[in-house]
């Protein structure tokens, strides 16, 4: 999947940062945007989503946006990777999606 600085996953991560900042008054909005922007950059540069079609890449980014704000992001991402294989839903490449989650966890050092 081709990624651009203004497109996925950057736009989804920035939307997640905004949502976190609105939901948690103790979170500085600019710091949240910076953290999520850095996560998107690391994932992009680390090629975590390469090989996935747009549908599956969007699913990975959506899952990461949820898991990265969990109490234990690493456990959340690894759990999602396992669940993806067990219950793939409408994913086109569940094994590739699972691998992308595990790659993301590694890249983000979770």
Protein backbone atom coordinates (compact mmCIF):
# COMPACT_ATOMS: atom_id res chain seq x y z
CA UNK A 1 0.00 0.00 0.00
CA UNK A 2 1.36 3.40 -0.94
CA UNK A 3 1.45 5.83 1.93
CA UNK A 4 1.75 9.59 1.93
CA UNK A 5 2.46 12.10 4.67
CA UNK A 6 -1.09 13.44 4.41
CA UNK A 7 -2.83 10.12 3.79
CA UNK A 8 -3.09 6.83 5.55
CA UNK A 9 -1.94 5.99 8.12
CA UNK A 10 -1.17 9.58 9.08
CA UNK A 11 -4.72 10.86 8.82
CA UNK A 12 -6.15 7.97 10.86
CA UNK A 13 -3.51 8.32 13.57
CA UNK A 14 -4.03 12.08 13.82
CA UNK A 15 -7.79 11.54 14.14
CA UNK A 16 -7.10 9.05 16.94
CA UNK A 17 -4.85 11.57 18.67
CA UNK A 18 -7.60 14.17 18.52
CA UNK A 19 -10.12 11.69 19.93
CA UNK A 20 -7.81 10.75 22.80
CA UNK A 21 -7.17 14.39 23.63
CA UNK A 22 -10.93 15.11 23.69
CA UNK A 23 -11.73 12.04 25.80
CA UNK A 24 -8.95 12.54 28.32
CA UNK A 25 -8.69 16.10 29.66
CA UNK A 26 -5.26 15.35 31.16
CA UNK A 27 -3.79 14.67 27.68
CA UNK A 28 -2.10 17.55 25.88
CA UNK A 29 -3.57 17.60 22.34
CA UNK A 30 -0.30 18.65 20.68
CA UNK A 31 1.65 15.94 22.51
CA UNK A 32 -0.95 13.35 21.48
CA UNK A 33 -0.67 14.46 17.84
CA UNK A 34 3.13 14.28 18.04
CA UNK A 35 3.09 10.77 19.52
CA UNK A 36 0.63 9.44 16.94
CA UNK A 37 2.46 11.21 14.10
CA UNK A 38 5.69 9.55 15.22
CA UNK A 39 3.96 6.15 15.39
CA UNK A 40 2.64 6.61 11.85
CA UNK A 41 6.08 7.63 10.60
CA UNK A 42 7.76 4.64 12.24
CA UNK A 43 5.20 2.26 10.79
CA UNK A 44 5.51 3.83 7.36
CA UNK A 45 9.32 3.82 7.41
CA UNK A 46 9.35 0.30 8.85
CA UNK A 47 7.14 -0.94 6.00
CA UNK A 48 4.74 -2.49 8.52
CA UNK A 49 1.77 -2.19 6.15
CA UNK A 50 3.54 -3.12 2.93
CA UNK A 51 2.00 -6.07 1.16
CA UNK A 52 -1.48 -5.38 2.51
CA UNK A 53 -4.26 -4.11 0.32
CA UNK A 54 -5.98 -0.87 1.29
CA UNK A 55 -8.83 -2.65 3.10
CA UNK A 56 -6.53 -4.71 5.32
CA UNK A 57 -4.10 -1.82 5.92
CA UNK A 58 -7.03 0.34 7.06
CA UNK A 59 -8.08 -2.45 9.44
CA UNK A 60 -4.57 -2.62 10.93
CA UNK A 61 -4.41 1.13 11.41
CA UNK A 62 -7.87 1.18 13.01
CA UNK A 63 -6.86 -1.58 15.40
CA UNK A 64 -3.60 0.15 16.27
CA UNK A 65 -5.41 3.42 16.96
CA UNK A 66 -7.42 1.58 19.60
CA UNK A 67 -4.61 -0.55 21.00
CA UNK A 68 -2.01 2.20 21.32
CA UNK A 69 -4.08 3.96 23.97
CA UNK A 70 -4.77 0.76 25.95
CA UNK A 71 -3.32 0.34 29.41
CA UNK A 72 -0.86 -2.20 27.99
CA UNK A 73 -0.47 -1.41 24.28
CA UNK A 74 1.91 -4.30 23.64
CA UNK A 75 -0.46 -6.89 25.06
CA UNK A 76 -3.36 -5.29 23.20
CA UNK A 77 -1.57 -5.39 19.83
CA UNK A 78 -0.34 -8.96 20.32
CA UNK A 79 -3.82 -10.04 21.40
CA UNK A 80 -5.31 -8.43 18.32
CA UNK A 81 -2.75 -10.25 16.14
CA UNK A 82 -3.87 -13.59 17.60
CA UNK A 83 -7.57 -12.72 17.34
CA UNK A 84 -7.15 -11.71 13.71
CA UNK A 85 -6.08 -15.22 12.75
CA UNK A 86 -8.75 -16.88 14.88
CA UNK A 87 -11.60 -14.60 13.73
CA UNK A 88 -10.61 -12.93 10.45
CA UNK A 89 -14.00 -11.40 9.66
CA UNK A 90 -13.84 -9.65 6.30
CA UNK A 91 -10.06 -9.41 6.08
CA UNK A 92 -8.54 -10.40 2.76
CA UNK A 93 -5.24 -11.63 4.23
CA UNK A 94 -5.66 -12.46 7.93
CA UNK A 95 -2.15 -13.91 8.23
CA UNK A 96 -0.67 -10.78 6.65
CA UNK A 97 -2.72 -8.57 8.96
CA UNK A 98 -1.60 -10.56 12.00
CA UNK A 99 2.02 -10.26 10.86
CA UNK A 100 1.55 -6.50 10.37
CA UNK A 101 0.34 -6.15 13.97
CA UNK A 102 3.35 -8.07 15.26
CA UNK A 103 5.69 -6.05 13.06
CA UNK A 104 4.10 -2.85 14.36
CA UNK A 105 4.60 -4.01 17.95
CA UNK A 106 8.25 -4.66 17.18
CA UNK A 107 8.78 -1.36 15.38
CA UNK A 108 7.06 0.60 18.15
CA UNK A 109 8.95 -1.42 20.78
CA UNK A 110 5.78 -2.49 22.59
